[in-house]
Protein backbone atom coordinates (compact mmCIF):
# COMPACT_ATOMS: atom_id res chain seq x y z
CA MET A 1 -64.14 333.73 111.82
CA ASN A 2 -60.88 334.79 110.90
CA GLU A 3 -59.91 337.27 113.77
CA SER A 4 -57.23 338.94 112.01
CA ARG A 5 -59.60 340.48 109.75
CA TRP A 6 -60.13 343.67 112.10
CA MET A 7 -56.80 343.16 114.37
CA LEU A 8 -55.08 345.85 112.72
CA PRO A 9 -57.58 348.77 112.69
CA THR A 10 -58.44 348.09 116.36
CA LEU A 11 -55.01 347.83 117.67
CA GLY A 12 -55.67 351.33 118.70
CA LEU A 13 -57.74 349.94 121.72
CA VAL A 14 -54.77 348.32 123.01
CA ILE A 15 -54.10 350.99 125.60
CA ILE A 16 -57.63 351.00 126.47
CA MET A 17 -57.75 347.44 127.37
CA LEU A 18 -54.38 347.68 129.31
CA VAL A 19 -56.05 350.29 131.59
CA SER A 20 -59.18 348.07 132.42
CA ALA A 21 -56.87 345.09 133.63
CA CYS A 22 -54.84 347.32 135.74
CA GLY A 23 -57.53 347.70 138.07
CA SER A 24 -59.10 351.08 138.26
CA GLY A 25 -61.96 350.08 141.00
CA THR A 26 -64.58 350.80 138.33
CA ASP A 27 -66.93 348.14 136.75
CA ALA A 28 -66.48 347.52 133.06
CA THR A 29 -69.45 347.63 130.83
CA PRO A 30 -69.60 346.86 127.39
CA THR A 31 -71.65 349.57 125.21
CA ALA A 32 -72.37 347.80 122.28
CA VAL A 33 -75.36 345.82 121.51
CA PRO A 34 -74.43 341.87 122.03
CA THR A 35 -74.53 339.74 119.58
CA ASP A 36 -76.18 336.17 120.25
CA VAL A 37 -73.13 334.04 119.70
CA PRO A 38 -71.28 332.88 122.91
CA ALA A 39 -67.64 334.60 122.72
CA PRO A 40 -64.95 335.67 125.11
CA GLU A 41 -66.18 338.56 127.26
CA PRO A 42 -64.50 341.99 126.00
CA THR A 43 -62.37 343.96 127.92
CA VAL A 44 -63.46 347.51 127.65
CA ALA A 45 -62.56 350.83 129.21
CA PRO A 46 -64.53 351.60 132.54
CA THR A 47 -67.34 353.86 131.79
CA GLU A 48 -66.71 355.85 134.93
CA ALA A 49 -63.27 358.42 134.92
CA PRO A 50 -61.10 357.27 137.76
CA GLU A 51 -60.54 359.88 140.68
CA ALA A 52 -57.84 362.24 139.33
CA GLN A 53 -54.29 361.55 140.69
CA PRO A 54 -51.31 363.91 140.59
CA THR A 55 -48.84 363.11 137.58
CA VAL A 56 -45.97 361.23 139.32
CA ALA A 57 -43.08 360.67 137.21
CA LEU A 58 -40.16 358.14 138.15
CA ALA A 59 -37.72 360.00 136.12
CA ASP A 60 -37.34 363.57 135.31
CA PRO A 61 -39.32 364.68 132.51
CA SER A 62 -36.82 367.39 131.36
CA GLU A 63 -33.74 365.03 131.08
CA PRO A 64 -32.67 363.37 128.15
CA VAL A 65 -33.78 360.00 127.30
CA SER A 66 -31.37 356.96 127.32
CA VAL A 67 -32.71 354.85 124.08
CA THR A 68 -32.12 351.20 123.41
CA PRO A 69 -31.87 350.71 119.67
CA PRO A 70 -33.80 347.71 118.42
CA GLU A 71 -32.09 344.31 117.59
CA GLU A 72 -33.78 344.24 114.37
CA LEU A 73 -35.66 347.10 112.48
CA GLY A 74 -39.36 346.84 112.16
CA SER A 75 -41.42 346.29 109.23
CA CYS A 76 -44.53 347.53 107.61
CA GLU A 77 -47.45 345.66 105.53
CA ALA A 78 -50.27 347.04 103.46
CA ALA A 79 -53.48 346.28 105.16
CA PRO A 80 -56.45 347.27 102.96
CA LEU A 81 -59.82 347.06 104.06
CA PRO A 82 -60.86 343.48 104.89
CA GLU A 83 -63.70 343.08 102.01
CA LEU A 84 -65.62 339.89 102.19
CA PRO A 85 -66.97 337.83 99.30
CA VAL A 86 -70.62 338.53 99.81
CA ARG A 87 -73.15 337.39 97.21
CA PRO A 88 -74.15 340.18 95.06
CA VAL A 89 -77.69 341.23 95.63
CA ASP A 90 -80.39 339.70 93.37
CA ASP A 91 -84.05 339.41 93.13
CA THR A 92 -84.31 337.01 95.56
CA ASP A 93 -83.17 339.38 98.48
CA TRP A 94 -85.09 341.90 100.48
CA VAL A 95 -84.26 345.02 100.16
CA LYS A 96 -85.21 348.84 101.41
CA GLY A 97 -83.73 352.09 101.25
CA ALA A 98 -81.75 353.67 98.39
CA SER A 99 -82.07 352.09 94.78
CA ALA A 100 -79.31 350.21 93.59
CA GLU A 101 -78.36 353.27 91.22
CA ASP A 102 -78.23 355.87 94.23
CA ALA A 103 -76.70 353.82 97.04
CA GLU A 104 -73.78 355.10 98.31
CA ILE A 105 -73.44 352.38 100.80
CA THR A 106 -75.15 348.95 100.38
CA ILE A 107 -75.54 347.16 104.26
CA VAL A 108 -75.97 343.32 103.90
CA GLU A 109 -77.41 342.48 107.17
CA TYR A 110 -77.64 339.08 108.34
CA SER A 111 -79.72 338.05 111.29
CA ASP A 112 -82.23 336.06 113.33
CA PHE A 113 -85.36 337.16 114.48
CA GLN A 114 -84.98 335.20 117.95
CA CYS A 115 -81.60 337.21 118.74
CA PRO A 116 -82.09 339.61 121.26
CA GLY A 117 -79.30 341.86 119.97
CA CYS A 118 -81.10 341.84 116.15
CA GLY A 119 -84.10 342.76 118.05
CA GLY A 120 -82.36 345.80 119.89
CA ILE A 121 -80.41 347.27 116.88
CA TYR A 122 -83.31 346.78 114.46
CA PRO A 123 -85.39 350.45 115.28
CA ILE A 124 -81.79 351.71 115.18
CA VAL A 125 -81.22 350.56 111.64
CA GLN A 126 -84.82 351.90 110.63
CA ALA A 127 -83.76 355.15 111.72
CA PHE A 128 -80.52 355.48 110.21
CA LEU A 129 -81.82 354.66 106.75
CA LYS A 130 -84.12 357.53 107.33
CA GLU A 131 -81.34 359.86 108.28
CA ASN A 132 -79.08 358.20 105.57
CA PRO A 133 -81.11 358.23 102.22
CA ASN A 134 -78.33 357.30 100.19
CA VAL A 135 -77.83 353.92 101.83
CA ARG A 136 -79.26 350.58 100.98
CA LEU A 137 -80.42 347.86 103.32
CA VAL A 138 -80.61 344.16 102.38
CA TYR A 139 -81.53 341.60 104.99
CA ARG A 140 -80.44 338.16 104.76
CA HIS A 141 -81.41 334.91 107.33
CA PHE A 142 -78.81 333.79 109.73
CA PRO A 143 -80.89 331.42 111.79
CA LEU A 144 -78.88 330.31 114.93
CA ASP A 145 -79.30 326.74 115.96
CA PHE A 146 -79.63 327.07 119.29
CA HIS A 147 -82.76 329.67 118.76
CA GLN A 148 -85.66 327.11 118.91
CA HIS A 149 -88.01 329.55 116.68
CA SER A 150 -85.35 330.97 114.33
CA ARG A 151 -86.13 329.09 111.49
CA ILE A 152 -90.16 329.13 111.51
CA THR A 153 -89.93 333.03 112.15
CA ALA A 154 -87.78 333.45 109.10
CA GLU A 155 -90.16 331.22 106.86
CA ALA A 156 -92.97 333.40 108.14
CA ALA A 157 -91.29 336.59 106.75
CA GLU A 158 -90.41 334.87 103.72
CA ALA A 159 -94.16 333.85 103.28
CA ALA A 160 -95.46 337.06 104.24
CA GLY A 161 -93.02 338.56 101.37
CA ALA A 162 -94.34 336.50 99.02
CA GLN A 163 -97.29 338.47 99.31
CA GLY A 164 -95.72 342.14 99.22
CA LYS A 165 -95.44 342.31 103.01
CA PHE A 166 -91.84 341.08 104.25
CA TRP A 167 -90.82 344.13 106.14
CA GLU A 168 -94.15 344.75 107.84
CA MET A 169 -93.55 340.90 109.11
CA HIS A 170 -90.19 341.76 109.76
CA ASN A 171 -90.94 344.41 112.28
CA LEU A 172 -94.00 342.58 113.80
CA LEU A 173 -91.79 339.54 114.49
CA PHE A 174 -89.18 341.83 116.39
CA ASP A 175 -91.63 343.99 118.28
CA GLN A 176 -93.49 340.57 119.39
CA ALA A 177 -90.73 338.98 119.96
CA PRO A 178 -91.40 338.48 123.99
CA GLU A 179 -94.62 337.30 123.22
CA TRP A 180 -93.57 334.54 120.69
CA SER A 181 -90.03 333.47 122.24
CA VAL A 182 -91.09 332.14 124.95
CA LEU A 183 -94.10 329.71 123.58
CA SER A 184 -93.91 326.08 122.37
CA GLU A 185 -92.73 325.17 118.64
CA VAL A 186 -96.65 324.23 118.27
CA GLU A 187 -97.56 327.45 119.92
CA THR A 188 -95.14 329.70 117.85
CA ARG A 189 -96.44 328.22 114.64
CA SER A 190 -100.30 328.95 115.56
CA LEU A 191 -98.91 332.52 116.60
CA MET A 192 -97.52 332.86 113.06
CA SER A 193 -100.98 332.57 111.68
CA VAL A 194 -102.16 334.96 113.60
CA TYR A 195 -99.91 337.39 112.80
CA ALA A 196 -100.50 336.75 109.04
CA GLU A 197 -104.17 337.81 109.75
CA LYS A 198 -103.01 340.71 111.67
CA LEU A 199 -101.15 341.80 108.55
CA ASP A 200 -104.17 341.12 106.29
CA LEU A 201 -102.37 338.50 104.09
CA ASP A 202 -103.95 335.29 102.63
CA VAL A 203 -103.76 333.29 105.57
CA GLU A 204 -104.34 329.84 103.54
CA ALA A 205 -101.39 330.95 101.14
CA PHE A 206 -99.50 331.49 104.09
CA ASP A 207 -100.10 328.56 106.21
CA ALA A 208 -99.62 326.18 102.93
CA ALA A 209 -95.91 327.89 102.60
CA LEU A 210 -94.91 326.96 106.13
CA ASP A 211 -96.45 323.68 106.11
CA ASP A 212 -94.90 322.47 102.80
CA GLY A 213 -91.60 324.16 103.80
CA THR A 214 -91.55 326.33 100.46
CA TYR A 215 -88.97 328.37 102.23
CA LYS A 216 -86.77 326.37 104.00
CA GLU A 217 -84.18 325.62 101.29
CA LYS A 218 -83.68 329.19 100.80
CA ILE A 219 -83.21 329.94 104.67
CA GLN A 220 -80.88 327.04 104.83
CA ALA A 221 -78.72 328.44 101.82
CA GLN A 222 -78.50 331.94 103.69
CA TYR A 223 -77.33 330.05 106.65
CA GLU A 224 -74.75 328.23 105.02
CA GLU A 225 -73.51 331.52 103.37
CA SER A 226 -73.35 333.22 106.76
CA LEU A 227 -71.16 330.29 107.81
CA ALA A 228 -68.93 330.10 104.74
CA LEU A 229 -68.53 334.00 105.27
CA GLY A 230 -66.96 333.47 108.80
CA LEU A 231 -69.28 335.60 110.43
CA PRO A 232 -68.99 336.08 113.77
CA GLY A 233 -72.80 335.86 114.92
CA THR A 234 -76.05 337.95 114.64
CA PRO A 235 -76.35 340.66 113.90
CA SER A 236 -73.56 340.87 111.39
CA PHE A 237 -73.56 343.93 109.11
CA LEU A 238 -71.50 344.29 105.83
CA PHE A 239 -70.74 347.79 104.68
CA ASN A 240 -69.99 347.56 100.98
CA ASN A 241 -68.69 344.02 101.97
CA VAL A 242 -66.80 345.30 104.57
CA LEU A 243 -67.64 343.64 108.10
CA PHE A 244 -68.73 346.52 110.47
CA PRO A 245 -65.88 346.04 113.62
CA SER A 246 -67.72 345.13 116.65
CA ASP A 247 -65.03 347.08 118.48
CA MET A 248 -67.22 350.36 117.54
CA GLY A 249 -70.20 349.17 119.07
CA LEU A 250 -73.58 348.81 117.40
CA SER A 251 -75.16 352.02 117.68
CA ALA A 252 -76.14 355.07 115.47
CA GLN A 253 -73.05 356.82 116.05
CA GLY A 254 -71.03 353.62 115.13
CA MET A 255 -72.79 352.96 111.98
CA GLN A 256 -72.56 356.67 110.72
CA SER A 257 -68.86 356.82 111.74
CA PHE A 258 -68.02 353.37 109.91
CA MET A 259 -69.92 354.84 107.00
CA GLY A 260 -68.03 358.24 107.00
CA ILE A 261 -65.02 356.20 106.94
CA LEU A 262 -65.91 354.16 104.01
CA GLN A 263 -67.06 357.36 102.19
CA ASN A 264 -63.58 359.03 102.92
CA LYS A 265 -61.35 355.97 102.46
CA ASP A 266 -59.58 357.42 99.68
CA GLU A 267 -58.57 360.10 101.63
CA ILE A 268 -57.49 357.75 104.78
CA PHE A 269 -56.22 354.93 103.47
CA PHE A 270 -52.62 354.41 101.35
CA ASP A 271 -51.73 351.68 99.16
CA ALA A 272 -48.74 351.00 100.53
CA PRO A 273 -46.50 351.96 103.93
CA PRO A 274 -43.97 354.65 102.99
CA GLU A 275 -40.17 353.54 102.30
CA LEU A 276 -37.97 353.74 104.80
CA THR A 277 -35.53 356.74 104.73
CA VAL A 278 -34.99 357.68 108.50
CA THR A 279 -31.88 356.49 109.71
CA ALA A 280 -30.58 356.30 113.55
CA ASP A 281 -28.49 359.29 113.16
CA ASP A 282 -31.07 361.73 111.84
CA THR A 283 -32.74 364.29 114.08
CA TYR A 284 -36.41 365.56 113.97
CA GLU A 285 -38.74 367.51 115.97
CA ALA A 286 -42.17 367.70 115.63
CA LEU A 287 -44.73 370.46 116.61
CA LEU A 288 -47.91 369.46 117.84
CA ARG A 289 -50.43 371.87 118.17
CA THR A 290 -53.26 371.21 120.34
CA SER A 291 -56.48 372.78 121.37
CA LYS A 292 -55.12 373.05 124.64
CA GLY A 293 -51.42 374.45 123.41
CA ASP A 294 -48.40 373.48 121.56
CA LEU A 295 -46.22 370.57 122.10
CA ARG A 296 -42.71 370.17 121.05
CA VAL A 297 -41.50 366.75 120.38
CA ASN A 298 -37.95 365.50 119.91
CA LEU A 299 -38.36 362.33 117.95
CA LEU A 300 -35.78 359.40 118.26
CA PRO A 301 -35.15 357.62 115.29
CA GLU A 302 -32.28 355.71 117.23
CA SER A 303 -35.04 354.03 119.35
CA ALA A 304 -37.38 353.05 116.65
CA PRO A 305 -36.64 354.16 113.20
CA THR A 306 -39.27 352.71 111.31
CA MET A 307 -42.01 353.91 113.70
CA VAL A 308 -40.79 357.26 113.54
CA ASN A 309 -40.45 356.88 109.58
CA SER A 310 -44.05 356.14 109.58
CA PHE A 311 -44.82 359.11 112.01
CA LEU A 312 -43.01 361.43 109.82
CA PHE A 313 -44.76 360.11 106.82
CA LEU A 314 -48.26 360.58 108.28
CA ALA A 315 -47.68 363.78 109.64
CA ASN A 316 -46.21 365.29 106.30
CA GLU A 317 -49.42 363.96 104.81
CA GLN A 318 -51.66 365.82 107.31
CA TRP A 319 -52.98 362.66 108.37
CA TYR A 320 -52.94 363.62 112.27
CA ASP A 321 -54.66 366.80 111.60
CA GLY A 322 -57.92 367.05 113.46
CA SER A 323 -57.56 364.03 115.69
CA GLU A 324 -59.24 363.67 118.84
CA PHE A 325 -57.49 362.79 122.30
CA PHE A 326 -60.02 360.09 122.62
CA PHE A 327 -58.42 358.64 125.78
CA VAL A 328 -56.66 360.73 128.37
CA ARG A 329 -56.47 359.03 131.85
CA ASP A 330 -54.48 360.92 134.60
CA ASN A 331 -50.83 359.20 135.58
CA PHE A 332 -51.21 356.94 132.58
CA VAL A 333 -51.57 358.30 128.60
CA ALA A 334 -53.28 360.37 126.37
CA VAL A 335 -54.08 358.52 122.96
CA THR A 336 -54.65 360.48 119.68
CA GLY A 337 -53.89 360.02 115.99
CA ASP A 338 -57.04 358.76 114.42
CA PRO A 339 -58.32 361.20 111.62
CA THR A 340 -61.65 359.22 111.83
CA ASN A 341 -62.29 359.85 115.66
CA SER A 342 -63.69 356.52 115.59
CA THR A 343 -60.86 354.82 117.50
CA ILE A 344 -60.38 352.45 115.19
CA GLY A 345 -58.83 354.30 112.28
CA TYR A 346 -55.63 353.39 110.55
CA PRO A 347 -53.69 354.41 107.33
CA GLY A 348 -54.01 351.21 105.28
CA TYR A 349 -50.92 349.57 106.68
CA TYR A 350 -49.71 348.51 109.79
CA CYS A 351 -46.25 348.30 111.41
CA SER A 352 -44.68 345.83 113.67
CA GLY A 353 -41.19 345.69 115.96
CA GLU A 354 -39.06 348.21 117.79
CA GLU A 355 -41.09 347.43 120.73
CA GLN A 356 -38.56 347.72 123.26
CA GLY A 357 -39.46 351.08 124.66
CA THR A 358 -39.39 352.16 128.18
CA PHE A 359 -41.97 354.34 129.36
CA ASP A 360 -40.74 355.44 132.89
CA ARG A 361 -41.93 359.44 132.96
CA ALA A 362 -44.18 362.04 131.61
CA GLY A 363 -44.06 363.35 128.48
CA LEU A 364 -42.75 360.19 126.58
CA VAL A 365 -44.33 359.42 122.84
CA GLY A 366 -45.22 355.70 121.79
CA MET A 367 -46.39 354.22 118.51
CA LEU A 368 -48.82 351.67 117.71
CA SER A 369 -48.63 349.69 115.03
CA ASN A 370 -51.88 351.25 113.44
CA GLY A 371 -50.34 354.74 113.13
CA GLN A 372 -52.17 356.06 116.49
CA PHE A 373 -49.84 357.32 119.19
CA PHE A 374 -49.92 358.11 123.24
CA ILE A 375 -48.32 360.44 125.27
CA THR A 376 -47.30 359.09 129.12
CA LEU A 377 -48.53 361.08 131.54
CA GLY A 378 -47.00 359.42 134.68
CA SER A 379 -45.94 356.34 136.38
CA ASP A 380 -49.03 353.96 135.37
CA ALA A 381 -47.32 353.90 131.99
CA LEU A 382 -44.59 351.69 133.25
CA GLN A 383 -46.84 348.82 132.61
CA LEU A 384 -46.25 349.66 128.62
CA ASP A 385 -42.57 348.90 129.03
CA GLY A 386 -41.39 346.53 126.13
CA GLN A 387 -45.18 346.76 124.40
CA PHE A 388 -44.58 349.50 122.22
CA ALA A 389 -42.05 351.59 120.30
CA LEU A 390 -40.83 354.81 122.10
CA ILE A 391 -40.75 357.40 119.21
CA GLY A 392 -40.07 360.60 121.00
CA GLN A 393 -39.86 362.92 124.14
CA VAL A 394 -42.02 366.10 124.75
CA VAL A 395 -39.41 368.71 125.31
CA GLU A 396 -41.85 371.85 125.51
CA GLY A 397 -45.42 371.99 126.52
CA LEU A 398 -45.45 369.48 129.51
CA ALA A 399 -47.93 371.54 131.08
CA VAL A 400 -50.54 371.28 128.16
CA LEU A 401 -50.92 367.62 129.04
CA ASP A 402 -52.19 368.73 132.23
CA GLU A 403 -55.00 370.94 130.83
CA LEU A 404 -56.21 367.81 128.26
CA ASN A 405 -59.83 366.93 129.21
CA ARG A 406 -59.97 363.53 130.80
CA VAL A 407 -61.92 361.37 128.37
CA VAL A 408 -63.05 357.67 128.70
CA VAL A 409 -64.17 355.96 125.74
CA GLY A 410 -67.78 354.97 126.18
CA ASP A 411 -68.60 357.38 129.06
CA PRO A 412 -71.53 359.50 127.93
CA ALA A 413 -70.53 362.15 130.72
CA ALA A 414 -66.99 362.56 129.63
CA PRO A 415 -66.28 365.81 128.54
CA VAL A 416 -65.68 366.81 124.97
CA PRO A 417 -62.33 365.32 123.93
CA ASP A 418 -59.54 368.02 122.65
CA VAL A 419 -58.06 367.76 119.17
CA LEU A 420 -54.65 367.46 117.77
CA GLU A 421 -54.96 370.47 115.31
CA SER A 422 -51.95 369.86 113.10
CA VAL A 423 -48.40 368.22 113.47
CA GLU A 424 -45.35 369.94 111.65
CA ILE A 425 -41.89 368.39 111.16
CA VAL A 426 -38.91 370.43 111.41
CA ASP A 427 -36.00 368.62 110.45
């Protein structure tokens, strides 16, 4: 898989990954449904918020910041949604949900009946379809080689489909996976005939299709199709040809959020990054209105003109309005700036460079490459030195930062996040 496909929008999680690496004394627990392809273990935020610590600043937050101008200006590049060349839906596919004419979102699922993650997500997908009648689901096979029964079960589903009961066999195979997945090849093959009888199929025709390998060529073609697309494993979901980002976690909430991003992409994504109009000598202030009070920020174009320019552009476009403070940890940072409130939102472009910022006190504003930003809350932010652009300093409202709800991504016990209601720029 080309891992850069979702590198840009998921940069908003860099802060969270740094938190996990610094050792909070809590166990990290992934919240996503696992795929069945071995991969490096993900680094995620702890599911339990650490004990509150008093804000400790190494420098006086009220003192002006001494900035270091970048040796080179940063740069911004357009990064449209990463669509893959998915084969168009045709009459060989198994489809359910909305019709082609009524579907606003078409989800193509590449799956394996012996994949535990596929079995775990399948009832969630069924419920998702019921709740979203404008969604069409297309099922395709991605039988993984290290699953002993992945191909015979795929053939069984196809043979049932030839008799009008693909989805009934699909559901039965997932529901009964604990039964057949532990059997030998011979035993599993015999059990497929039992399932065919249970579904009132013509068992003789069903058996003939499996014994003759009628559907092996189709299944192999879809397997090769999956590899050609560079899919990371099973299950893989493509929403209108855009691969569902694993960082969101395969869940009903994640799928709903991602569908919302695609449906509102014209309002979220820009065709190109803004033209650089900011100079190091310019002066700007930003008034951040939050659900807990206002923050006045002195922007620092001398420190990061390209990143400040992007911040100004997005603020003036009201892109930040309604963003949640989706990660807030005492003595570290508060992260916001994603209007999709999915943690992966980005404006259709990314910016890099100017990452020489020093974060030595509370109230400093750092910019991420994907347009999101963070505000430091104390000395733990020192670990971010030299990794992000410093774009501003809070000059009024530091007490508001202490009032923000402490939130950890993926923690079901976390309080409701506070909201960045609007950002107003003052020249």
